[in-house]
PDB file of N, CA and C in Angstrom:
ATOM      1  N   MET A   1       0.844  -1.184   0.000  1.00  0.00           N
ATOM      2  CA  MET A   1       0.000   0.000   0.000  1.00  0.00           C
ATOM      3  C   MET A   1       0.884   1.241   0.000  1.00  0.00           C
ATOM      4  N   LYS A   2       0.485   2.213  -0.779  1.00  0.00           N
ATOM      5  CA  LYS A   2       1.190   3.495  -0.810  1.00  0.00           C
ATOM      6  C   LYS A   2       0.696   4.364   0.333  1.00  0.00           C
ATOM      7  N   ALA A   3       1.612   5.106   0.937  1.00  0.00           N
ATOM      8  CA  ALA A   3       1.265   6.036   2.013  1.00  0.00           C
ATOM      9  C   ALA A   3       2.184   7.249   1.915  1.00  0.00           C
ATOM     10  N   THR A   4       1.623   8.400   2.243  1.00  0.00           N
ATOM     11  CA  THR A   4       2.413   9.623   2.333  1.00  0.00           C
ATOM     12  C   THR A   4       2.327  10.093   3.772  1.00  0.00           C
ATOM     13  N   ILE A   5       3.467  10.392   4.362  1.00  0.00           N
ATOM     14  CA  ILE A   5       3.511  10.903   5.726  1.00  0.00           C
ATOM     15  C   ILE A   5       4.143  12.284   5.712  1.00  0.00           C
ATOM     16  N   TRP A   6       3.442  13.244   6.306  1.00  0.00           N
ATOM     17  CA  TRP A   6       4.007  14.574   6.526  1.00  0.00           C
ATOM     18  C   TRP A   6       4.689  14.471   7.866  1.00  0.00           C
ATOM     19  N   HIS A   7       6.005  14.470   7.818  1.00  0.00           N
ATOM     20  CA  HIS A   7       6.862  13.966   8.881  1.00  0.00           C
ATOM     21  C   HIS A   7       7.803  15.034   9.409  1.00  0.00           C
ATOM     22  N   ASN A   8       8.048  14.946  10.711  1.00  0.00           N
ATOM     23  CA  ASN A   8       9.094  15.742  11.351  1.00  0.00           C
ATOM     24  C   ASN A   8      10.007  14.742  12.055  1.00  0.00           C
ATOM     25  N   PRO A   9      11.229  14.543  11.559  1.00  0.00           N
ATOM     26  CA  PRO A   9      12.111  13.537  12.137  1.00  0.00           C
ATOM     27  C   PRO A   9      12.500  13.828  13.591  1.00  0.00           C
ATOM     28  N   ALA A  10      12.287  15.045  14.064  1.00  0.00           N
ATOM     29  CA  ALA A  10      12.593  15.380  15.460  1.00  0.00           C
ATOM     30  C   ALA A  10      11.461  14.980  16.409  1.00  0.00           C
ATOM     31  N   CYS A  11      10.344  14.525  15.870  1.00  0.00           N
ATOM     32  CA  CYS A  11       9.155  14.188  16.666  1.00  0.00           C
ATOM     33  C   CYS A  11       9.072  12.682  16.879  1.00  0.00           C
ATOM     34  N   GLY A  12       9.016  12.270  18.134  1.00  0.00           N
ATOM     35  CA  GLY A  12       8.932  10.850  18.457  1.00  0.00           C
ATOM     36  C   GLY A  12       7.694  10.182  17.897  1.00  0.00           C
ATOM     37  N   THR A  13       6.544  10.834  17.989  1.00  0.00           N
ATOM     38  CA  THR A  13       5.309  10.257  17.465  1.00  0.00           C
ATOM     39  C   THR A  13       5.402  10.093  15.955  1.00  0.00           C
ATOM     40  N   SER A  14       5.985  11.053  15.295  1.00  0.00           N
ATOM     41  CA  SER A  14       6.145  10.974  13.846  1.00  0.00           C
ATOM     42  C   SER A  14       7.083   9.821  13.476  1.00  0.00           C
ATOM     43  N   ARG A  15       8.167   9.665  14.212  1.00  0.00           N
ATOM     44  CA  ARG A  15       9.100   8.558  13.943  1.00  0.00           C
ATOM     45  C   ARG A  15       8.429   7.205  14.181  1.00  0.00           C
ATOM     46  N   LYS A  16       7.640   7.102  15.248  1.00  0.00           N
ATOM     47  CA  LYS A  16       6.946   5.841  15.544  1.00  0.00           C
ATOM     48  C   LYS A  16       5.906   5.525  14.479  1.00  0.00           C
ATOM     49  N   THR A  17       5.222   6.543  13.980  1.00  0.00           N
ATOM     50  CA  THR A  17       4.229   6.331  12.921  1.00  0.00           C
ATOM     51  C   THR A  17       4.915   5.853  11.652  1.00  0.00           C
ATOM     52  N   LEU A  18       6.020   6.469  11.298  1.00  0.00           N
ATOM     53  CA  LEU A  18       6.780   6.042  10.115  1.00  0.00           C
ATOM     54  C   LEU A  18       7.240   4.599  10.285  1.00  0.00           C
ATOM     55  N   ALA A  19       7.694   4.236  11.481  1.00  0.00           N
ATOM     56  CA  ALA A  19       8.128   2.853  11.733  1.00  0.00           C
ATOM     57  C   ALA A  19       6.963   1.876  11.550  1.00  0.00           C
ATOM     58  N   LEU A  20       5.762   2.237  12.012  1.00  0.00           N
ATOM     59  CA  LEU A  20       4.587   1.375  11.819  1.00  0.00           C
ATOM     60  C   LEU A  20       4.298   1.163  10.330  1.00  0.00           C
ATOM     61  N   LEU A  21       4.383   2.243   9.569  1.00  0.00           N
ATOM     62  CA  LEU A  21       4.160   2.137   8.123  1.00  0.00           C
ATOM     63  C   LEU A  21       5.180   1.208   7.478  1.00  0.00           C
ATOM     64  N   GLU A  22       6.431   1.369   7.851  1.00  0.00           N
ATOM     65  CA  GLU A  22       7.499   0.556   7.271  1.00  0.00           C
ATOM     66  C   GLU A  22       7.376  -0.904   7.707  1.00  0.00           C
ATOM     67  N   GLU A  23       7.014  -1.153   8.982  1.00  0.00           N
ATOM     68  CA  GLU A  23       6.844  -2.524   9.479  1.00  0.00           C
ATOM     69  C   GLU A  23       5.759  -3.268   8.711  1.00  0.00           C
ATOM     70  N   ARG A  24       4.767  -2.548   8.236  1.00  0.00           N
ATOM     71  CA  ARG A  24       3.656  -3.164   7.515  1.00  0.00           C
ATOM     72  C   ARG A  24       3.878  -3.191   6.004  1.00  0.00           C
ATOM     73  N   GLY A  25       5.093  -2.871   5.592  1.00  0.00           N
ATOM     74  CA  GLY A  25       5.468  -3.006   4.198  1.00  0.00           C
ATOM     75  C   GLY A  25       4.913  -1.952   3.269  1.00  0.00           C
ATOM     76  N   CYS A  26       4.523  -0.815   3.805  1.00  0.00           N
ATOM     77  CA  CYS A  26       3.981   0.263   2.975  1.00  0.00           C
ATOM     78  C   CYS A  26       5.070   0.885   2.120  1.00  0.00           C
ATOM     79  N   ASP A  27       4.669   1.306   0.938  1.00  0.00           N
ATOM     80  CA  ASP A  27       5.518   2.097   0.054  1.00  0.00           C
ATOM     81  C   ASP A  27       5.327   3.540   0.506  1.00  0.00           C
ATOM     82  N   VAL A  28       6.260   4.047   1.314  1.00  0.00           N
ATOM     83  CA  VAL A  28       6.070   5.319   2.005  1.00  0.00           C
ATOM     84  C   VAL A  28       6.803   6.462   1.313  1.00  0.00           C
ATOM     85  N   GLU A  29       6.050   7.511   1.032  1.00  0.00           N
ATOM     86  CA  GLU A  29       6.645   8.778   0.605  1.00  0.00           C
ATOM     87  C   GLU A  29       6.734   9.642   1.855  1.00  0.00           C
ATOM     88  N   VAL A  30       7.942  10.007   2.227  1.00  0.00           N
ATOM     89  CA  VAL A  30       8.170  10.819   3.417  1.00  0.00           C
ATOM     90  C   VAL A  30       8.367  12.267   2.980  1.00  0.00           C
ATOM     91  N   VAL A  31       7.507  13.142   3.499  1.00  0.00           N
ATOM     92  CA  VAL A  31       7.607  14.569   3.206  1.00  0.00           C
ATOM     93  C   VAL A  31       7.953  15.285   4.505  1.00  0.00           C
ATOM     94  N   GLU A  32       9.155  15.804   4.578  1.00  0.00           N
ATOM     95  CA  GLU A  32       9.526  16.601   5.754  1.00  0.00           C
ATOM     96  C   GLU A  32       8.850  17.955   5.585  1.00  0.00           C
ATOM     97  N   TYR A  33       7.705  18.097   6.228  1.00  0.00           N
ATOM     98  CA  TYR A  33       6.825  19.239   5.965  1.00  0.00           C
ATOM     99  C   TYR A  33       7.414  20.575   6.401  1.00  0.00           C
ATOM    100  N   LEU A  34       8.401  20.580   7.286  1.00  0.00           N
ATOM    101  CA  LEU A  34       9.028  21.858   7.639  1.00  0.00           C
ATOM    102  C   LEU A  34       9.930  22.351   6.510  1.00  0.00           C
ATOM    103  N   LYS A  35      10.484  21.409   5.726  1.00  0.00           N
ATOM    104  CA  LYS A  35      11.324  21.759   4.580  1.00  0.00           C
ATOM    105  C   LYS A  35      10.492  21.918   3.306  1.00  0.00           C
ATOM    106  N   HIS A  36       9.435  21.122   3.184  1.00  0.00           N
ATOM    107  CA  HIS A  36       8.581  21.103   1.990  1.00  0.00           C
ATOM    108  C   HIS A  36       7.118  21.138   2.442  1.00  0.00           C
ATOM    109  N   PRO A  37       6.666  22.298   2.900  1.00  0.00           N
ATOM    110  CA  PRO A  37       5.314  22.369   3.451  1.00  0.00           C
ATOM    111  C   PRO A  37       4.223  22.184   2.401  1.00  0.00           C
ATOM    112  N   PRO A  38       3.132  21.533   2.830  1.00  0.00           N
ATOM    113  CA  PRO A  38       1.997  21.430   1.909  1.00  0.00           C
ATOM    114  C   PRO A  38       1.369  22.804   1.735  1.00  0.00           C
ATOM    115  N   GLY A  39       0.830  23.055   0.575  1.00  0.00           N
ATOM    116  CA  GLY A  39       0.148  24.321   0.331  1.00  0.00           C
ATOM    117  C   GLY A  39      -1.198  24.363   1.036  1.00  0.00           C
ATOM    118  N   ARG A  40      -1.798  25.505   1.009  1.00  0.00           N
ATOM    119  CA  ARG A  40      -3.084  25.706   1.682  1.00  0.00           C
ATOM    120  C   ARG A  40      -4.152  24.748   1.153  1.00  0.00           C
ATOM    121  N   ALA A  41      -4.218  24.582  -0.169  1.00  0.00           N
ATOM    122  CA  ALA A  41      -5.222  23.693  -0.764  1.00  0.00           C
ATOM    123  C   ALA A  41      -4.996  22.245  -0.334  1.00  0.00           C
ATOM    124  N   LYS A  42      -3.743  21.818  -0.278  1.00  0.00           N
ATOM    125  CA  LYS A  42      -3.443  20.452   0.154  1.00  0.00           C
ATOM    126  C   LYS A  42      -3.824  20.268   1.615  1.00  0.00           C
ATOM    127  N   LEU A  43      -3.514  21.246   2.448  1.00  0.00           N
ATOM    128  CA  LEU A  43      -3.903  21.160   3.861  1.00  0.00           C
ATOM    129  C   LEU A  43      -5.415  21.044   4.005  1.00  0.00           C
ATOM    130  N   ALA A  44      -6.147  21.866   3.269  1.00  0.00           N
ATOM    131  CA  ALA A  44      -7.608  21.825   3.334  1.00  0.00           C
ATOM    132  C   ALA A  44      -8.112  20.443   2.929  1.00  0.00           C
ATOM    133  N   GLN A  45      -7.541  19.875   1.878  1.00  0.00           N
ATOM    134  CA  GLN A  45      -7.938  18.536   1.418  1.00  0.00           C
ATOM    135  C   GLN A  45      -7.614  17.474   2.465  1.00  0.00           C
ATOM    136  N   LEU A  46      -6.441  17.564   3.085  1.00  0.00           N
ATOM    137  CA  LEU A  46      -6.053  16.578   4.100  1.00  0.00           C
ATOM    138  C   LEU A  46      -7.016  16.592   5.285  1.00  0.00           C
ATOM    139  N   TYR A  47      -7.329  17.770   5.789  1.00  0.00           N
ATOM    140  CA  TYR A  47      -8.239  17.847   6.938  1.00  0.00           C
ATOM    141  C   TYR A  47      -9.652  17.430   6.558  1.00  0.00           C
ATOM    142  N   ARG A  48     -10.089  17.799   5.367  1.00  0.00           N
ATOM    143  CA  ARG A  48     -11.409  17.387   4.888  1.00  0.00           C
ATOM    144  C   ARG A  48     -11.471  15.858   4.815  1.00  0.00           C
ATOM    145  N   ASP A  49     -10.442  15.250   4.221  1.00  0.00           N
ATOM    146  CA  ASP A  49     -10.417  13.793   4.076  1.00  0.00           C
ATOM    147  C   ASP A  49     -10.250  13.079   5.408  1.00  0.00           C
ATOM    148  N   ALA A  50      -9.652  13.750   6.376  1.00  0.00           N
ATOM    149  CA  ALA A  50      -9.506  13.175   7.721  1.00  0.00           C
ATOM    150  C   ALA A  50     -10.786  13.350   8.541  1.00  0.00           C
ATOM    151  N   GLY A  51     -11.684  14.205   8.042  1.00  0.00           N
ATOM    152  CA  GLY A  51     -12.934  14.444   8.750  1.00  0.00           C
ATOM    153  C   GLY A  51     -12.774  15.320   9.980  1.00  0.00           C
ATOM    154  N   ILE A  52     -11.755  16.191   9.951  1.00  0.00           N
ATOM    155  CA  ILE A  52     -11.526  17.094  11.077  1.00  0.00           C
ATOM    156  C   ILE A  52     -11.398  18.527  10.579  1.00  0.00           C
ATOM    157  N   ALA A  53     -11.688  19.451  11.468  1.00  0.00           N
ATOM    158  CA  ALA A  53     -11.512  20.865  11.149  1.00  0.00           C
ATOM    159  C   ALA A  53     -10.026  21.204  11.202  1.00  0.00           C
ATOM    160  N   PRO A  54      -9.586  22.178  10.416  1.00  0.00           N
ATOM    161  CA  PRO A  54      -8.175  22.584  10.487  1.00  0.00           C
ATOM    162  C   PRO A  54      -7.733  22.925  11.908  1.00  0.00           C
ATOM    163  N   ASN A  55      -8.632  23.476  12.719  1.00  0.00           N
ATOM    164  CA  ASN A  55      -8.276  23.815  14.096  1.00  0.00           C
ATOM    165  C   ASN A  55      -7.833  22.578  14.880  1.00  0.00           C
ATOM    166  N   ALA A  56      -8.406  21.403  14.559  1.00  0.00           N
ATOM    167  CA  ALA A  56      -8.036  20.161  15.233  1.00  0.00           C
ATOM    168  C   ALA A  56      -6.636  19.709  14.832  1.00  0.00           C
ATOM    169  N   GLY A  57      -6.123  20.233  13.730  1.00  0.00           N
ATOM    170  CA  GLY A  57      -4.782  19.905  13.277  1.00  0.00           C
ATOM    171  C   GLY A  57      -3.770  20.991  13.590  1.00  0.00           C
ATOM    172  N   LEU A  58      -4.154  21.904  14.471  1.00  0.00           N
ATOM    173  CA  LEU A  58      -3.292  23.023  14.834  1.00  0.00           C
ATOM    174  C   LEU A  58      -2.350  22.615  15.961  1.00  0.00           C
ATOM    175  N   ARG A  59      -1.079  22.800  15.744  1.00  0.00           N
ATOM    176  CA  ARG A  59      -0.095  22.479  16.782  1.00  0.00           C
ATOM    177  C   ARG A  59      -0.004  23.653  17.742  1.00  0.00           C
ATOM    178  N   LEU A  60      -0.263  23.381  19.018  1.00  0.00           N
ATOM    179  CA  LEU A  60      -0.199  24.416  20.048  1.00  0.00           C
ATOM    180  C   LEU A  60       1.145  24.397  20.763  1.00  0.00           C
ATOM    181  N   ARG A  61       1.609  23.191  21.082  1.00  0.00           N
ATOM    182  CA  ARG A  61       2.850  23.050  21.842  1.00  0.00           C
ATOM    183  C   ARG A  61       4.044  23.541  21.028  1.00  0.00           C
ATOM    184  N   GLY A  62       4.814  24.433  21.631  1.00  0.00           N
ATOM    185  CA  GLY A  62       6.020  24.923  20.974  1.00  0.00           C
ATOM    186  C   GLY A  62       5.771  25.952  19.889  1.00  0.00           C
ATOM    187  N   THR A  63       4.550  26.474  19.814  1.00  0.00           N
ATOM    188  CA  THR A  63       4.236  27.496  18.806  1.00  0.00           C
ATOM    189  C   THR A  63       3.590  28.698  19.497  1.00  0.00           C
ATOM    190  N   ASP A  64       3.353  29.730  18.722  1.00  0.00           N
ATOM    191  CA  ASP A  64       2.671  30.917  19.238  1.00  0.00           C
ATOM    192  C   ASP A  64       1.195  30.930  18.838  1.00  0.00           C
ATOM    193  N   ALA A  65       0.643  29.752  18.536  1.00  0.00           N
ATOM    194  CA  ALA A  65      -0.737  29.655  18.048  1.00  0.00           C
ATOM    195  C   ALA A  65      -1.734  30.256  19.036  1.00  0.00           C
ATOM    196  N   GLU A  66      -1.567  29.972  20.319  1.00  0.00           N
ATOM    197  CA  GLU A  66      -2.509  30.501  21.306  1.00  0.00           C
ATOM    198  C   GLU A  66      -2.388  32.018  21.412  1.00  0.00           C
ATOM    199  N   ALA A  67      -1.181  32.522  21.433  1.00  0.00           N
ATOM    200  CA  ALA A  67      -0.971  33.974  21.527  1.00  0.00           C
ATOM    201  C   ALA A  67      -1.575  34.691  20.320  1.00  0.00           C
ATOM    202  N   ARG A  68      -1.608  34.004  19.185  1.00  0.00           N
ATOM    203  CA  ARG A  68      -2.170  34.586  17.968  1.00  0.00           C
ATOM    204  C   ARG A  68      -3.687  34.397  17.867  1.00  0.00           C
ATOM    205  N   GLY A  69      -4.266  33.705  18.856  1.00  0.00           N
ATOM    206  CA  GLY A  69      -5.708  33.494  18.857  1.00  0.00           C
ATOM    207  C   GLY A  69      -6.178  32.454  17.859  1.00  0.00           C
ATOM    208  N   LEU A  70      -5.294  31.596  17.397  1.00  0.00           N
ATOM    209  CA  LEU A  70      -5.651  30.645  16.348  1.00  0.00           C
ATOM    210  C   LEU A  70      -6.586  29.513  16.789  1.00  0.00           C
ATOM    211  N   PRO A  71      -6.533  29.050  18.048  1.00  0.00           N
ATOM    212  CA  PRO A  71      -7.459  27.969  18.412  1.00  0.00           C
ATOM    213  C   PRO A  71      -8.931  28.338  18.213  1.00  0.00           C
ATOM    214  N   GLY A  72      -9.280  29.594  18.346  1.00  0.00           N
ATOM    215  CA  GLY A  72     -10.658  30.028  18.153  1.00  0.00           C
ATOM    216  C   GLY A  72     -10.910  30.698  16.814  1.00  0.00           C
ATOM    217  N   ALA A  73      -9.920  30.680  15.948  1.00  0.00           N
ATOM    218  CA  ALA A  73     -10.032  31.354  14.652  1.00  0.00           C
ATOM    219  C   ALA A  73     -10.838  30.497  13.674  1.00  0.00           C
ATOM    220  N   SER A  74     -11.229  31.106  12.576  1.00  0.00           N
ATOM    221  CA  SER A  74     -11.958  30.380  11.535  1.00  0.00           C
ATOM    222  C   SER A  74     -11.028  29.381  10.840  1.00  0.00           C
ATOM    223  N   ALA A  75     -11.628  28.413  10.183  1.00  0.00           N
ATOM    224  CA  ALA A  75     -10.849  27.425   9.433  1.00  0.00           C
ATOM    225  C   ALA A  75      -9.964  28.105   8.393  1.00  0.00           C
ATOM    226  N   ASP A  76     -10.491  29.118   7.717  1.00  0.00           N
ATOM    227  CA  ASP A  76      -9.702  29.823   6.704  1.00  0.00           C
ATOM    228  C   ASP A  76      -8.493  30.516   7.325  1.00  0.00           C
ATOM    229  N   GLU A  77      -8.682  31.133   8.476  1.00  0.00           N
ATOM    230  CA  GLU A  77      -7.564  31.808   9.148  1.00  0.00           C
ATOM    231  C   GLU A  77      -6.505  30.804   9.585  1.00  0.00           C
ATOM    232  N   VAL A  78      -6.950  29.653  10.082  1.00  0.00           N
ATOM    233  CA  VAL A  78      -6.001  28.622  10.516  1.00  0.00           C
ATOM    234  C   VAL A  78      -5.229  28.081   9.316  1.00  0.00           C
ATOM    235  N   LEU A  79      -5.918  27.796   8.234  1.00  0.00           N
ATOM    236  CA  LEU A  79      -5.233  27.303   7.030  1.00  0.00           C
ATOM    237  C   LEU A  79      -4.229  28.317   6.506  1.00  0.00           C
ATOM    238  N   ASP A  80      -4.616  29.593   6.493  1.00  0.00           N
ATOM    239  CA  ASP A  80      -3.684  30.643   6.050  1.00  0.00           C
ATOM    240  C   ASP A  80      -2.443  30.672   6.932  1.00  0.00           C
ATOM    241  N   ALA A  81      -2.653  30.568   8.254  1.00  0.00           N
ATOM    242  CA  ALA A  81      -1.530  30.607   9.192  1.00  0.00           C
ATOM    243  C   ALA A  81      -0.622  29.397   9.009  1.00  0.00           C
ATOM    244  N   MET A  82      -1.211  28.227   8.831  1.00  0.00           N
ATOM    245  CA  MET A  82      -0.420  27.004   8.635  1.00  0.00           C
ATOM    246  C   MET A  82       0.372  27.065   7.341  1.00  0.00           C
ATOM    247  N   ALA A  83      -0.258  27.572   6.291  1.00  0.00           N
ATOM    248  CA  ALA A  83       0.434  27.673   5.007  1.00  0.00           C
ATOM    249  C   ALA A  83       1.618  28.635   5.096  1.00  0.00           C
ATOM    250  N   ALA A  84       1.472  29.674   5.908  1.00  0.00           N
ATOM    251  CA  ALA A  84       2.550  30.653   6.074  1.00  0.00           C
ATOM    252  C   ALA A  84       3.622  30.174   7.050  1.00  0.00           C
ATOM    253  N   ASP A  85       3.227  29.339   8.015  1.00  0.00           N
ATOM    254  CA  ASP A  85       4.163  28.878   9.047  1.00  0.00           C
ATOM    255  C   ASP A  85       3.892  27.405   9.346  1.00  0.00           C
ATOM    256  N   PRO A  86       4.575  26.488   8.652  1.00  0.00           N
ATOM    257  CA  PRO A  86       4.281  25.061   8.800  1.00  0.00           C
ATOM    258  C   PRO A  86       4.542  24.512  10.202  1.00  0.00           C
ATOM    259  N   ARG A  87       5.217  25.251  11.068  1.00  0.00           N
ATOM    260  CA  ARG A  87       5.393  24.789  12.449  1.00  0.00           C
ATOM    261  C   ARG A  87       4.044  24.667  13.159  1.00  0.00           C
ATOM    262  N   LEU A  88       3.017  25.313  12.610  1.00  0.00           N
ATOM    263  CA  LEU A  88       1.679  25.275  13.209  1.00  0.00           C
ATOM    264  C   LEU A  88       0.905  24.004  12.842  1.00  0.00           C
ATOM    265  N   ILE A  89       1.463  23.173  11.970  1.00  0.00           N
ATOM    266  CA  ILE A  89       0.802  21.936  11.550  1.00  0.00           C
ATOM    267  C   ILE A  89       1.151  20.829  12.536  1.00  0.00           C
ATOM    268  N   GLU A  90       0.112  20.256  13.158  1.00  0.00           N
ATOM    269  CA  GLU A  90       0.347  19.111  14.042  1.00  0.00           C
ATOM    270  C   GLU A  90       0.737  17.922  13.193  1.00  0.00           C
ATOM    271  N   ARG A  91       1.632  17.112  13.712  1.00  0.00           N
ATOM    272  CA  ARG A  91       2.135  15.986  12.950  1.00  0.00           C
ATOM    273  C   ARG A  91       1.992  14.711  13.758  1.00  0.00           C
ATOM    274  N   PRO A  92       2.093  13.606  13.054  1.00  0.00           N
ATOM    275  CA  PRO A  92       2.200  13.387  11.615  1.00  0.00           C
ATOM    276  C   PRO A  92       0.825  13.203  10.970  1.00  0.00           C
ATOM    277  N   LEU A  93       0.699  13.695   9.787  1.00  0.00           N
ATOM    278  CA  LEU A  93      -0.468  13.432   8.941  1.00  0.00           C
ATOM    279  C   LEU A  93      -0.075  12.325   7.981  1.00  0.00           C
ATOM    280  N   VAL A  94      -0.959  11.342   7.819  1.00  0.00           N
ATOM    281  CA  VAL A  94      -0.694  10.233   6.899  1.00  0.00           C
ATOM    282  C   VAL A  94      -1.881  10.094   5.964  1.00  0.00           C
ATOM    283  N   GLU A  95      -1.577   9.939   4.675  1.00  0.00           N
ATOM    284  CA  GLU A  95      -2.593   9.766   3.648  1.00  0.00           C
ATOM    285  C   GLU A  95      -2.358   8.447   2.913  1.00  0.00           C
ATOM    286  N   THR A  96      -3.419   7.645   2.795  1.00  0.00           N
ATOM    287  CA  THR A  96      -3.393   6.425   1.988  1.00  0.00           C
ATOM    288  C   THR A  96      -4.653   6.428   1.122  1.00  0.00           C
ATOM    289  N   ALA A  97      -4.810   5.395   0.322  1.00  0.00           N
ATOM    290  CA  ALA A  97      -6.016   5.275  -0.497  1.00  0.00           C
ATOM    291  C   ALA A  97      -7.269   5.118   0.363  1.00  0.00           C
ATOM    292  N   LYS A  98      -7.097   4.719   1.615  1.00  0.00           N
ATOM    293  CA  LYS A  98      -8.234   4.526   2.527  1.00  0.00           C
ATOM    294  C   LYS A  98      -8.576   5.761   3.337  1.00  0.00           C
ATOM    295  N   GLY A  99      -7.797   6.837   3.198  1.00  0.00           N
ATOM    296  CA  GLY A  99      -8.119   8.061   3.916  1.00  0.00           C
ATOM    297  C   GLY A  99      -6.904   8.762   4.493  1.00  0.00           C
ATOM    298  N   VAL A 100      -7.198   9.706   5.383  1.00  0.00           N
ATOM    299  CA  VAL A 100      -6.164  10.517   6.022  1.00  0.00           C
ATOM    300  C   VAL A 100      -6.389  10.464   7.527  1.00  0.00           C
ATOM    301  N   ARG A 101      -5.306  10.426   8.276  1.00  0.00           N
ATOM    302  CA  ARG A 101      -5.391  10.499   9.726  1.00  0.00           C
ATOM    303  C   ARG A 101      -4.288  11.400  10.263  1.00  0.00           C
ATOM    304  N   LEU A 102      -4.649  12.155  11.303  1.00  0.00           N
ATOM    305  CA  LEU A 102      -3.663  12.824  12.138  1.00  0.00           C
ATOM    306  C   LEU A 102      -3.301  11.772  13.174  1.00  0.00           C
ATOM    307  N   CYS A 103      -2.102  11.259  13.104  1.00  0.00           N
ATOM    308  CA  CYS A 103      -1.723  10.057  13.846  1.00  0.00           C
ATOM    309  C   CYS A 103      -1.164  10.359  15.232  1.00  0.00           C
ATOM    310  N   ARG A 104      -2.023  10.890  16.059  1.00  0.00           N
ATOM    311  CA  ARG A 104      -1.732  11.114  17.471  1.00  0.00           C
ATOM    312  C   ARG A 104      -2.843  10.464  18.254  1.00  0.00           C
ATOM    313  N   PRO A 105      -2.596   9.314  18.845  1.00  0.00           N
ATOM    314  CA  PRO A 105      -1.354   8.547  18.907  1.00  0.00           C
ATOM    315  C   PRO A 105      -1.046   7.842  17.584  1.00  0.00           C
ATOM    316  N   GLN A 106       0.157   7.335  17.497  1.00  0.00           N
ATOM    317  CA  GLN A 106       0.633   6.757  16.237  1.00  0.00           C
ATOM    318  C   GLN A 106      -0.215   5.578  15.767  1.00  0.00           C
ATOM    319  N   GLU A 107      -0.873   4.880  16.654  1.00  0.00           N
ATOM    320  CA  GLU A 107      -1.702   3.743  16.260  1.00  0.00           C
ATOM    321  C   GLU A 107      -2.885   4.132  15.377  1.00  0.00           C
ATOM    322  N   ARG A 108      -3.229   5.386  15.346  1.00  0.00           N
ATOM    323  CA  ARG A 108      -4.331   5.844  14.472  1.00  0.00           C
ATOM    324  C   ARG A 108      -4.042   5.528  13.010  1.00  0.00           C
ATOM    325  N   VAL A 109      -2.784   5.387  12.657  1.00  0.00           N
ATOM    326  CA  VAL A 109      -2.439   5.069  11.267  1.00  0.00           C
ATOM    327  C   VAL A 109      -3.023   3.725  10.856  1.00  0.00           C
ATOM    328  N   LEU A 110      -3.207   2.815  11.796  1.00  0.00           N
ATOM    329  CA  LEU A 110      -3.724   1.492  11.474  1.00  0.00           C
ATOM    330  C   LEU A 110      -5.133   1.554  10.896  1.00  0.00           C
ATOM    331  N   GLU A 111      -5.871   2.625  11.197  1.00  0.00           N
ATOM    332  CA  GLU A 111      -7.234   2.801  10.692  1.00  0.00           C
ATOM    333  C   GLU A 111      -7.287   2.946   9.175  1.00  0.00           C
ATOM    334  N   ILE A 112      -6.181   3.354   8.566  1.00  0.00           N
ATOM    335  CA  ILE A 112      -6.181   3.604   7.128  1.00  0.00           C
ATOM    336  C   ILE A 112      -5.229   2.687   6.364  1.00  0.00           C
ATOM    337  N   LEU A 113      -4.860   1.595   6.987  1.00  0.00           N
ATOM    338  CA  LEU A 113      -3.990   0.622   6.314  1.00  0.00           C
ATOM    339  C   LEU A 113      -4.800  -0.602   5.906  1.00  0.00           C
TER     340      LEU A 113
END
C-alpha cells in the first residue's frame, strides 16, 4: 500500500508512525513538511479527508498559536496561518487510499492501512 507521511524527524510520534508504516510493508513517501510544506489547498484537502476541522490539526505546543488566537479562529484563518508557518501543523499526517489520519497517537495510522 502506498502512504504519504508529513513527517518531522525530530518528533517521536512521527518517527513511531513512520516505523509502523514501514513494518507493515507500505511504500512510504516521506515529506519533511518543515522543509517542503503542503500548500493551503493540500492542507484543506487533508483535513477534509480526515474528517476534522483545520483547528483540530493546529499544533499548540512549541508554537505561538494561542498567543495569535488561532485555536478560536476560523478554518480559513487557521489554514492561512499554517500555510505561512508550517510549524503550526500538528504531525504526523498520513494519507493512503483509505483516507487521512492525524496520527496522534501513532496507532491511528492502522485505521487507514
